Amino acid sequence: MKILATLLVRNEAELVADCLEHHLQQGVNGFLVTDHSSIDGLSEVLREYRDVILDLQYESDCRYLQNQWVTRMARRAVDFHPDWILHLDADERWQGLELLRHIPPIYAWVRTGVWRNHLPLAESMPGPFKPRTMPYYELPGRTGRHAARFVNFGSGSGGKILHRPMPDAQVGIGNHWLHYPLAPMTDCDGIAVHHYPIRSLEQFRRKVVNGAAAIDANAWSPEIASHWRKWRDLDQQGRLREIFQTFTLTEPEIRNRLADGTLHFKGF
């Protein structure tokens, strides 16, 4: 079984090597990468993985044309004759790809289980990011009496797609849907996506600034990814640390939520 993955990345050099290594171990055979104007040394990281990066594109457009660029990679991947194509973000770690062997041929695409949203433990994480430094996660819709950390800002549910090679594939915003062609799909909760979107206060601020700027450049309507603009407004009010702290876990909360089953451990 040959699996290829696309990766659209901007200024996430700290994540990419670990991301590529993890997915190689999970059975991914090669990657198609689009670098969107990175200035943080990402090119050096990508150079180290040139043997497994089958196609590398650079984009300088100030707009964040995510669905267009991922769609382009999805169509380019067809030339390498894979069995499956999946669409990664650098802050995701997928598991369970071996289950693709058991997907009946009638299904052209698959939707994973919801994100496993991992939560930071402190304002600053020691050293380079590794999944083991953020081992605790929650599942959207399964937090009991506890406030779900991400869903109030529209970024909590996840459910990502992977599909068989299609020369006319059209991938939706966020890699959450295959808009075209119309084809049979199935859900596979056993394919899990561990998600590390907020890792430190400094990284959170960079994410907010870049995310809001991309939304503005795209001139998207206010209801699309509105959390970026909300967070930017709060940053300008000097309140971003306050928001970041709502994502962090305390020791008493960890103990209580592990006991009641609304928090889970995965250290990798």
C-alpha atoms as a PDB file:
ATOM      1  CA  MET A   1       0.000   0.000   0.000  1.00  0.00           C
ATOM      2  CA  LYS A   2       1.477   3.325  -1.073  1.00  0.00           C
ATOM      3  CA  ILE A   3       0.433   6.408   0.910  1.00  0.00           C
ATOM      4  CA  LEU A   4       1.376   9.980   0.013  1.00  0.00           C
ATOM      5  CA  ALA A   5       0.778  13.050   2.151  1.00  0.00           C
ATOM      6  CA  THR A   6       0.473  16.722   1.283  1.00  0.00           C
ATOM      7  CA  LEU A   7       1.757  19.387   3.645  1.00  0.00           C
ATOM      8  CA  LEU A   8       1.156  23.137   3.413  1.00  0.00           C
ATOM      9  CA  VAL A   9       3.377  24.937   5.877  1.00  0.00           C
ATOM     10  CA  ARG A  10       4.430  28.450   6.843  1.00  0.00           C
ATOM     11  CA  ASN A  11       7.069  29.296   9.463  1.00  0.00           C
ATOM     12  CA  GLU A  12       6.742  26.007  11.323  1.00  0.00           C
ATOM     13  CA  ALA A  13      10.319  24.761  11.101  1.00  0.00           C
ATOM     14  CA  GLU A  14      10.101  23.614  14.728  1.00  0.00           C
ATOM     15  CA  LEU A  15       7.401  21.100  13.789  1.00  0.00           C
ATOM     16  CA  VAL A  16       8.210  19.805  10.340  1.00  0.00           C
ATOM     17  CA  ALA A  17      11.035  17.337  10.990  1.00  0.00           C
ATOM     18  CA  ASP A  18       9.064  15.617  13.749  1.00  0.00           C
ATOM     19  CA  CYS A  19       5.955  15.654  11.537  1.00  0.00           C
ATOM     20  CA  LEU A  20       7.733  13.990   8.625  1.00  0.00           C
ATOM     21  CA  GLU A  21       9.471  11.426  10.839  1.00  0.00           C
ATOM     22  CA  HIS A  22       6.248  10.489  12.601  1.00  0.00           C
ATOM     23  CA  HIS A  23       4.306   9.924   9.402  1.00  0.00           C
ATOM     24  CA  LEU A  24       7.103   7.955   7.785  1.00  0.00           C
ATOM     25  CA  GLN A  25       6.880   5.631  10.797  1.00  0.00           C
ATOM     26  CA  GLN A  26       3.111   5.445  10.305  1.00  0.00           C
ATOM     27  CA  GLY A  27       3.517   4.170   6.746  1.00  0.00           C
ATOM     28  CA  VAL A  28       3.569   7.324   4.607  1.00  0.00           C
ATOM     29  CA  ASN A  29       5.902   6.775   1.646  1.00  0.00           C
ATOM     30  CA  GLY A  30       6.410  10.335   0.437  1.00  0.00           C
ATOM     31  CA  PHE A  31       5.300  13.953   0.723  1.00  0.00           C
ATOM     32  CA  LEU A  32       4.232  16.814  -1.501  1.00  0.00           C
ATOM     33  CA  VAL A  33       5.018  20.110   0.225  1.00  0.00           C
ATOM     34  CA  THR A  34       4.055  23.722  -0.377  1.00  0.00           C
ATOM     35  CA  ASP A  35       6.065  26.318   1.553  1.00  0.00           C
ATOM     36  CA  HIS A  36       4.078  29.541   1.950  1.00  0.00           C
ATOM     37  CA  SER A  37       6.669  32.303   2.328  1.00  0.00           C
ATOM     38  CA  SER A  38       8.518  30.825   5.306  1.00  0.00           C
ATOM     39  CA  ILE A  39      11.413  32.842   6.742  1.00  0.00           C
ATOM     40  CA  ASP A  40      12.249  30.733   9.804  1.00  0.00           C
ATOM     41  CA  GLY A  41      14.744  28.249   8.364  1.00  0.00           C
ATOM     42  CA  LEU A  42      12.174  25.801   7.054  1.00  0.00           C
ATOM     43  CA  SER A  43      14.023  25.431   3.744  1.00  0.00           C
ATOM     44  CA  GLU A  44      16.991  23.874   5.563  1.00  0.00           C
ATOM     45  CA  VAL A  45      14.701  21.363   7.277  1.00  0.00           C
ATOM     46  CA  LEU A  46      13.052  20.448   3.983  1.00  0.00           C
ATOM     47  CA  ARG A  47      16.447  19.983   2.348  1.00  0.00           C
ATOM     48  CA  GLU A  48      17.260  17.272   4.884  1.00  0.00           C
ATOM     49  CA  TYR A  49      14.182  15.327   3.719  1.00  0.00           C
ATOM     50  CA  ARG A  50      14.620  15.785  -0.017  1.00  0.00           C
ATOM     51  CA  ASP A  51      14.712  12.000  -0.505  1.00  0.00           C
ATOM     52  CA  VAL A  52      11.083  11.665   0.616  1.00  0.00           C
ATOM     53  CA  ILE A  53       9.718  15.000  -0.641  1.00  0.00           C
ATOM     54  CA  LEU A  54       8.481  14.144  -4.125  1.00  0.00           C
ATOM     55  CA  ASP A  55       7.317  17.627  -5.048  1.00  0.00           C
ATOM     56  CA  LEU A  56       8.118  21.000  -3.482  1.00  0.00           C
ATOM     57  CA  GLN A  57       6.373  24.251  -4.371  1.00  0.00           C
ATOM     58  CA  TYR A  58       6.904  27.786  -3.064  1.00  0.00           C
ATOM     59  CA  GLU A  59       4.134  30.366  -2.732  1.00  0.00           C
ATOM     60  CA  SER A  60       4.623  34.080  -2.108  1.00  0.00           C
ATOM     61  CA  ASP A  61       0.999  35.223  -2.434  1.00  0.00           C
ATOM     62  CA  CYS A  62       0.030  37.181   0.690  1.00  0.00           C
ATOM     63  CA  ARG A  63      -3.370  35.513   0.599  1.00  0.00           C
ATOM     64  CA  TYR A  64      -3.844  32.120   2.239  1.00  0.00           C
ATOM     65  CA  LEU A  65      -5.214  30.094  -0.664  1.00  0.00           C
ATOM     66  CA  GLN A  66      -5.114  26.887   1.317  1.00  0.00           C
ATOM     67  CA  ASN A  67      -7.774  24.902  -0.495  1.00  0.00           C
ATOM     68  CA  GLN A  68      -6.359  25.819  -3.905  1.00  0.00           C
ATOM     69  CA  TRP A  69      -2.787  24.892  -2.996  1.00  0.00           C
ATOM     70  CA  VAL A  70      -3.760  21.609  -1.328  1.00  0.00           C
ATOM     71  CA  THR A  71      -5.969  20.751  -4.297  1.00  0.00           C
ATOM     72  CA  ARG A  72      -2.994  21.350  -6.579  1.00  0.00           C
ATOM     73  CA  MET A  73      -0.874  18.965  -4.508  1.00  0.00           C
ATOM     74  CA  ALA A  74      -3.666  16.369  -4.452  1.00  0.00           C
ATOM     75  CA  ARG A  75      -3.798  16.394  -8.250  1.00  0.00           C
ATOM     76  CA  ARG A  76      -0.023  16.341  -8.603  1.00  0.00           C
ATOM     77  CA  ALA A  77       0.143  13.302  -6.291  1.00  0.00           C
ATOM     78  CA  VAL A  78      -1.766  11.266  -8.862  1.00  0.00           C
ATOM     79  CA  ASP A  79       1.387  11.244 -11.027  1.00  0.00           C
ATOM     80  CA  PHE A  80       3.158   9.132  -8.368  1.00  0.00           C
ATOM     81  CA  HIS A  81       0.487   6.387  -8.429  1.00  0.00           C
ATOM     82  CA  PRO A  82      -0.403   6.139  -4.731  1.00  0.00           C
ATOM     83  CA  ASP A  83      -3.177   4.058  -3.237  1.00  0.00           C
ATOM     84  CA  TRP A  84      -4.158   6.852  -0.838  1.00  0.00           C
ATOM     85  CA  ILE A  85      -3.490  10.587  -0.440  1.00  0.00           C
ATOM     86  CA  LEU A  86      -3.878  12.312   2.899  1.00  0.00           C
ATOM     87  CA  HIS A  87      -3.663  16.004   3.756  1.00  0.00           C
ATOM     88  CA  LEU A  88      -1.572  16.947   6.791  1.00  0.00           C
ATOM     89  CA  ASP A  89      -1.006  20.066   8.814  1.00  0.00           C
ATOM     90  CA  ALA A  90       2.361  20.386  10.527  1.00  0.00           C
ATOM     91  CA  ASP A  91       0.740  20.408  13.978  1.00  0.00           C
ATOM     92  CA  GLU A  92      -0.984  17.051  13.416  1.00  0.00           C
ATOM     93  CA  ARG A  93       0.202  13.513  14.119  1.00  0.00           C
ATOM     94  CA  TRP A  94      -1.952  10.831  12.475  1.00  0.00           C
ATOM     95  CA  GLN A  95      -2.278   7.236  13.634  1.00  0.00           C
ATOM     96  CA  GLY A  96      -4.097   4.159  12.376  1.00  0.00           C
ATOM     97  CA  LEU A  97      -3.242   4.422   8.686  1.00  0.00           C
ATOM     98  CA  GLU A  98      -2.915   0.632   8.490  1.00  0.00           C
ATOM     99  CA  LEU A  99      -6.736   0.548   8.606  1.00  0.00           C
ATOM    100  CA  LEU A 100      -6.775   1.841   5.046  1.00  0.00           C
ATOM    101  CA  ARG A 101      -6.013  -1.724   3.928  1.00  0.00           C
ATOM    102  CA  HIS A 102      -9.500  -2.696   5.043  1.00  0.00           C
ATOM    103  CA  ILE A 103     -11.485   0.090   3.370  1.00  0.00           C
ATOM    104  CA  PRO A 104     -13.731  -1.545   0.731  1.00  0.00           C
ATOM    105  CA  PRO A 105     -12.948  -0.502  -2.859  1.00  0.00           C
ATOM    106  CA  ILE A 106     -16.372   1.100  -3.238  1.00  0.00           C
ATOM    107  CA  TYR A 107     -15.270   4.007  -1.030  1.00  0.00           C
ATOM    108  CA  ALA A 108     -13.304   6.753  -2.773  1.00  0.00           C
ATOM    109  CA  TRP A 109     -12.551   8.826   0.324  1.00  0.00           C
ATOM    110  CA  VAL A 110     -12.434   8.543   4.086  1.00  0.00           C
ATOM    111  CA  ARG A 111     -13.045  10.964   6.935  1.00  0.00           C
ATOM    112  CA  THR A 112     -11.006  10.428  10.091  1.00  0.00           C
ATOM    113  CA  GLY A 113     -12.180  10.628  13.659  1.00  0.00           C
ATOM    114  CA  VAL A 114     -12.366  14.024  15.341  1.00  0.00           C
ATOM    115  CA  TRP A 115      -9.175  15.756  16.369  1.00  0.00           C
ATOM    116  CA  ARG A 116      -7.498  14.710  19.591  1.00  0.00           C
ATOM    117  CA  ASN A 117      -6.787  18.244  20.802  1.00  0.00           C
ATOM    118  CA  HIS A 118      -3.660  18.298  22.965  1.00  0.00           C
ATOM    119  CA  LEU A 119      -3.356  21.023  25.596  1.00  0.00           C
ATOM    120  CA  PRO A 120      -0.278  22.906  26.862  1.00  0.00           C
ATOM    121  CA  LEU A 121       0.903  22.543  30.419  1.00  0.00           C
ATOM    122  CA  ALA A 122       2.660  25.899  30.822  1.00  0.00           C
ATOM    123  CA  GLU A 123       3.237  29.238  29.131  1.00  0.00           C
ATOM    124  CA  SER A 124       6.626  28.195  27.771  1.00  0.00           C
ATOM    125  CA  MET A 125       7.542  24.661  26.796  1.00  0.00           C
ATOM    126  CA  PRO A 126      11.177  23.603  27.359  1.00  0.00           C
ATOM    127  CA  GLY A 127      13.245  23.053  24.211  1.00  0.00           C
ATOM    128  CA  PRO A 128      11.957  22.179  20.741  1.00  0.00           C
ATOM    129  CA  PHE A 129       8.407  20.884  20.517  1.00  0.00           C
ATOM    130  CA  LYS A 130       7.928  17.137  20.847  1.00  0.00           C
ATOM    131  CA  PRO A 131       4.551  15.427  21.186  1.00  0.00           C
ATOM    132  CA  ARG A 132       5.624  13.910  24.496  1.00  0.00           C
ATOM    133  CA  THR A 133       5.789  17.414  26.043  1.00  0.00           C
ATOM    134  CA  MET A 134       2.001  17.740  25.546  1.00  0.00           C
ATOM    135  CA  PRO A 135       0.667  14.255  26.348  1.00  0.00           C
ATOM    136  CA  TYR A 136      -2.867  15.154  27.467  1.00  0.00           C
ATOM    137  CA  TYR A 137      -5.751  15.613  25.069  1.00  0.00           C
ATOM    138  CA  GLU A 138      -9.512  15.989  24.966  1.00  0.00           C
ATOM    139  CA  LEU A 139     -12.047  14.892  22.367  1.00  0.00           C
ATOM    140  CA  PRO A 140     -14.605  17.388  21.053  1.00  0.00           C
ATOM    141  CA  GLY A 141     -18.035  16.552  22.408  1.00  0.00           C
ATOM    142  CA  ARG A 142     -16.630  14.362  25.171  1.00  0.00           C
ATOM    143  CA  THR A 143     -15.608  16.829  27.862  1.00  0.00           C
ATOM    144  CA  GLY A 144     -18.523  16.336  30.267  1.00  0.00           C
ATOM    145  CA  ARG A 145     -18.988  19.270  32.618  1.00  0.00           C
ATOM    146  CA  HIS A 146     -15.618  20.697  31.571  1.00  0.00           C
ATOM    147  CA  ALA A 147     -15.427  23.535  29.076  1.00  0.00           C
ATOM    148  CA  ALA A 148     -14.150  22.300  25.716  1.00  0.00           C
ATOM    149  CA  ARG A 149     -11.032  24.314  24.960  1.00  0.00           C
ATOM    150  CA  PHE A 150     -11.324  24.854  21.208  1.00  0.00           C
ATOM    151  CA  VAL A 151     -14.887  24.535  20.006  1.00  0.00           C
ATOM    152  CA  ASN A 152     -16.042  27.952  21.189  1.00  0.00           C
ATOM    153  CA  PHE A 153     -13.762  29.487  18.584  1.00  0.00           C
ATOM    154  CA  GLY A 154     -14.869  27.182  15.785  1.00  0.00           C
ATOM    155  CA  SER A 155     -11.674  25.142  15.623  1.00  0.00           C
ATOM    156  CA  GLY A 156     -12.377  22.097  17.705  1.00  0.00           C
ATOM    157  CA  SER A 157     -14.059  19.319  15.776  1.00  0.00           C
ATOM    158  CA  GLY A 158     -11.629  18.327  13.074  1.00  0.00           C
ATOM    159  CA  GLY A 159     -12.309  15.235  11.055  1.00  0.00           C
ATOM    160  CA  LYS A 160      -9.821  15.302   8.181  1.00  0.00           C
ATOM    161  CA  ILE A 161      -9.962  13.607   4.800  1.00  0.00           C
ATOM    162  CA  LEU A 162      -7.893  11.181   2.781  1.00  0.00           C
ATOM    163  CA  HIS A 163      -8.804   9.799  -0.609  1.00  0.00           C
ATOM    164  CA  ARG A 164      -7.811   7.619  -3.490  1.00  0.00           C
ATOM    165  CA  PRO A 165      -5.961   9.334  -6.376  1.00  0.00           C
ATOM    166  CA  MET A 166      -8.314  11.526  -8.402  1.00  0.00           C
ATOM    167  CA  PRO A 167      -7.066  13.813 -11.190  1.00  0.00           C
ATOM    168  CA  ASP A 168      -9.977  16.204 -10.636  1.00  0.00           C
ATOM    169  CA  ALA A 169     -10.058  16.204  -6.810  1.00  0.00           C
ATOM    170  CA  GLN A 170     -11.142  19.432  -5.131  1.00  0.00           C
ATOM    171  CA  VAL A 171     -10.195  19.658  -1.452  1.00  0.00           C
ATOM    172  CA  GLY A 172     -12.144  21.989   0.830  1.00  0.00           C
ATOM    173  CA  ILE A 173     -10.843  24.625   3.243  1.00  0.00           C
ATOM    174  CA  GLY A 174      -9.090  23.041   6.219  1.00  0.00           C
ATOM    175  CA  ASN A 175      -8.868  19.625   4.513  1.00  0.00           C
ATOM    176  CA  HIS A 176     -12.183  18.696   6.124  1.00  0.00           C
ATOM    177  CA  TRP A 177     -14.118  17.767   2.996  1.00  0.00           C
ATOM    178  CA  LEU A 178     -13.749  16.540  -0.566  1.00  0.00           C
ATOM    179  CA  HIS A 179     -15.943  18.896  -2.573  1.00  0.00           C
ATOM    180  CA  TYR A 180     -15.490  17.136  -5.898  1.00  0.00           C
ATOM    181  CA  PRO A 181     -15.939  14.645  -7.403  1.00  0.00           C
ATOM    182  CA  LEU A 182     -19.084  13.342  -5.767  1.00  0.00           C
ATOM    183  CA  ALA A 183     -18.036   9.867  -4.653  1.00  0.00           C
ATOM    184  CA  PRO A 184     -18.873   7.347  -1.919  1.00  0.00           C
ATOM    185  CA  MET A 185     -17.186   8.039   1.425  1.00  0.00           C
ATOM    186  CA  THR A 186     -16.971   6.394   4.829  1.00  0.00           C
ATOM    187  CA  ASP A 187     -15.961   7.445   8.338  1.00  0.00           C
ATOM    188  CA  CYS A 188     -13.090   5.723  10.125  1.00  0.00           C
ATOM    189  CA  ASP A 189     -12.749   6.809  13.739  1.00  0.00           C
ATOM    190  CA  GLY A 190      -9.818   4.415  14.118  1.00  0.00           C
ATOM    191  CA  ILE A 191      -7.684   6.790  12.070  1.00  0.00           C
ATOM    192  CA  ALA A 192      -6.891   9.316  14.777  1.00  0.00           C
ATOM    193  CA  VAL A 193      -5.477  12.805  14.297  1.00  0.00           C
ATOM    194  CA  HIS A 194      -3.570  14.111  17.312  1.00  0.00           C
ATOM    195  CA  HIS A 195      -3.599  17.902  17.095  1.00  0.00           C
ATOM    196  CA  TYR A 196      -1.199  20.401  18.758  1.00  0.00           C
ATOM    197  CA  PRO A 197      -2.499  23.817  17.667  1.00  0.00           C
ATOM    198  CA  ILE A 198      -1.495  25.887  20.714  1.00  0.00           C
ATOM    199  CA  ARG A 199       1.868  25.084  22.267  1.00  0.00           C
ATOM    200  CA  SER A 200       3.203  28.232  23.985  1.00  0.00           C
ATOM    201  CA  LEU A 201       2.213  31.868  24.430  1.00  0.00           C
ATOM    202  CA  GLU A 202       4.837  33.037  21.934  1.00  0.00           C
ATOM    203  CA  GLN A 203       3.709  30.523  19.321  1.00  0.00           C
ATOM    204  CA  PHE A 204       0.057  31.371  19.991  1.00  0.00           C
ATOM    205  CA  ARG A 205       0.732  35.058  19.324  1.00  0.00           C
ATOM    206  CA  ARG A 206       2.507  34.258  16.027  1.00  0.00           C
ATOM    207  CA  LYS A 207      -0.398  32.045  15.032  1.00  0.00           C
ATOM    208  CA  VAL A 208      -2.918  34.779  15.776  1.00  0.00           C
ATOM    209  CA  VAL A 209      -1.016  37.466  13.869  1.00  0.00           C
ATOM    210  CA  ASN A 210      -0.465  35.263  10.807  1.00  0.00           C
ATOM    211  CA  GLY A 211      -3.963  33.792  10.882  1.00  0.00           C
ATOM    212  CA  ALA A 212      -5.750  37.140  11.103  1.00  0.00           C
ATOM    213  CA  ALA A 213      -3.549  38.637   8.392  1.00  0.00           C
ATOM    214  CA  ALA A 214      -4.334  35.734   6.077  1.00  0.00           C
ATOM    215  CA  ILE A 215      -8.074  36.102   6.700  1.00  0.00           C
ATOM    216  CA  ASP A 216      -7.896  39.819   5.912  1.00  0.00           C
ATOM    217  CA  ALA A 217      -5.849  39.237   2.755  1.00  0.00           C
ATOM    218  CA  ASN A 218      -8.405  36.714   1.523  1.00  0.00           C
ATOM    219  CA  ALA A 219     -11.234  39.166   2.240  1.00  0.00           C
ATOM    220  CA  TRP A 220     -13.288  36.299   3.671  1.00  0.00           C
ATOM    221  CA  SER A 221     -16.675  37.031   5.182  1.00  0.00           C
ATOM    222  CA  PRO A 222     -16.740  37.601   8.974  1.00  0.00           C
ATOM    223  CA  GLU A 223     -18.213  34.194   9.832  1.00  0.00           C
ATOM    224  CA  ILE A 224     -15.327  32.264   8.251  1.00  0.00           C
ATOM    225  CA  ALA A 225     -12.551  31.515  10.776  1.00  0.00           C
ATOM    226  CA  SER A 226     -13.813  34.384  12.919  1.00  0.00           C
ATOM    227  CA  HIS A 227     -11.760  33.198  15.912  1.00  0.00           C
ATOM    228  CA  TRP A 228      -8.579  34.621  14.348  1.00  0.00           C
ATOM    229  CA  ARG A 229     -10.000  38.138  14.310  1.00  0.00           C
ATOM    230  CA  LYS A 230     -11.375  37.743  17.844  1.00  0.00           C
ATOM    231  CA  TRP A 231      -7.991  36.617  19.137  1.00  0.00           C
ATOM    232  CA  ARG A 232      -6.185  39.441  17.307  1.00  0.00           C
ATOM    233  CA  ASP A 233      -8.527  42.001  18.892  1.00  0.00           C
ATOM    234  CA  LEU A 234      -7.842  40.528  22.304  1.00  0.00           C
ATOM    235  CA  ASP A 235      -4.089  40.614  21.635  1.00  0.00           C
ATOM    236  CA  GLN A 236      -4.338  44.300  20.783  1.00  0.00           C
ATOM    237  CA  GLN A 237      -6.117  44.796  24.104  1.00  0.00           C
ATOM    238  CA  GLY A 238      -3.252  43.061  25.900  1.00  0.00           C
ATOM    239  CA  ARG A 239      -5.439  40.072  26.792  1.00  0.00           C
ATOM    240  CA  LEU A 240      -3.871  37.268  24.765  1.00  0.00           C
ATOM    241  CA  ARG A 241      -2.114  35.749  27.794  1.00  0.00           C
ATOM    242  CA  GLU A 242      -5.511  35.590  29.481  1.00  0.00           C
ATOM    243  CA  ILE A 243      -6.883  33.635  26.525  1.00  0.00           C
ATOM    244  CA  PHE A 244      -3.824  31.383  26.357  1.00  0.00           C
ATOM    245  CA  GLN A 245      -4.218  30.466  30.010  1.00  0.00           C
ATOM    246  CA  THR A 246      -7.704  29.146  29.318  1.00  0.00           C
ATOM    247  CA  PHE A 247      -6.039  26.436  27.199  1.00  0.00           C
ATOM    248  CA  THR A 248      -3.444  25.330  29.765  1.00  0.00           C
ATOM    249  CA  LEU A 249      -3.964  22.385  32.085  1.00  0.00           C
ATOM    250  CA  THR A 250      -3.332  22.510  35.832  1.00  0.00           C
ATOM    251  CA  GLU A 251      -2.249  19.513  37.895  1.00  0.00           C
ATOM    252  CA  PRO A 252      -5.565  19.263  39.799  1.00  0.00           C
ATOM    253  CA  GLU A 253      -7.517  19.379  36.538  1.00  0.00           C
ATOM    254  CA  ILE A 254      -5.330  16.666  35.015  1.00  0.00           C
ATOM    255  CA  ARG A 255      -5.940  14.360  37.997  1.00  0.00           C
ATOM    256  CA  ASN A 256      -9.683  14.986  38.062  1.00  0.00           C
ATOM    257  CA  ARG A 257     -10.234  14.675  34.326  1.00  0.00           C
ATOM    258  CA  LEU A 258      -8.141  11.546  33.920  1.00  0.00           C
ATOM    259  CA  ALA A 259     -10.278  10.039  36.667  1.00  0.00           C
ATOM    260  CA  ASP A 260     -13.609  10.988  35.081  1.00  0.00           C
ATOM    261  CA  GLY A 261     -12.518  10.037  31.558  1.00  0.00           C
ATOM    262  CA  THR A 262     -12.774  13.464  29.921  1.00  0.00           C
ATOM    263  CA  LEU A 263      -9.006  13.831  29.511  1.00  0.00           C
ATOM    264  CA  HIS A 264      -6.767  11.249  27.876  1.00  0.00           C
ATOM    265  CA  PHE A 265      -3.039  10.517  27.808  1.00  0.00           C
ATOM    266  CA  LYS A 266      -0.936   9.881  24.725  1.00  0.00           C
ATOM    267  CA  GLY A 267       2.762  10.592  25.144  1.00  0.00           C
ATOM    268  CA  PHE A 268       4.110   8.948  21.954  1.00  0.00           C
END
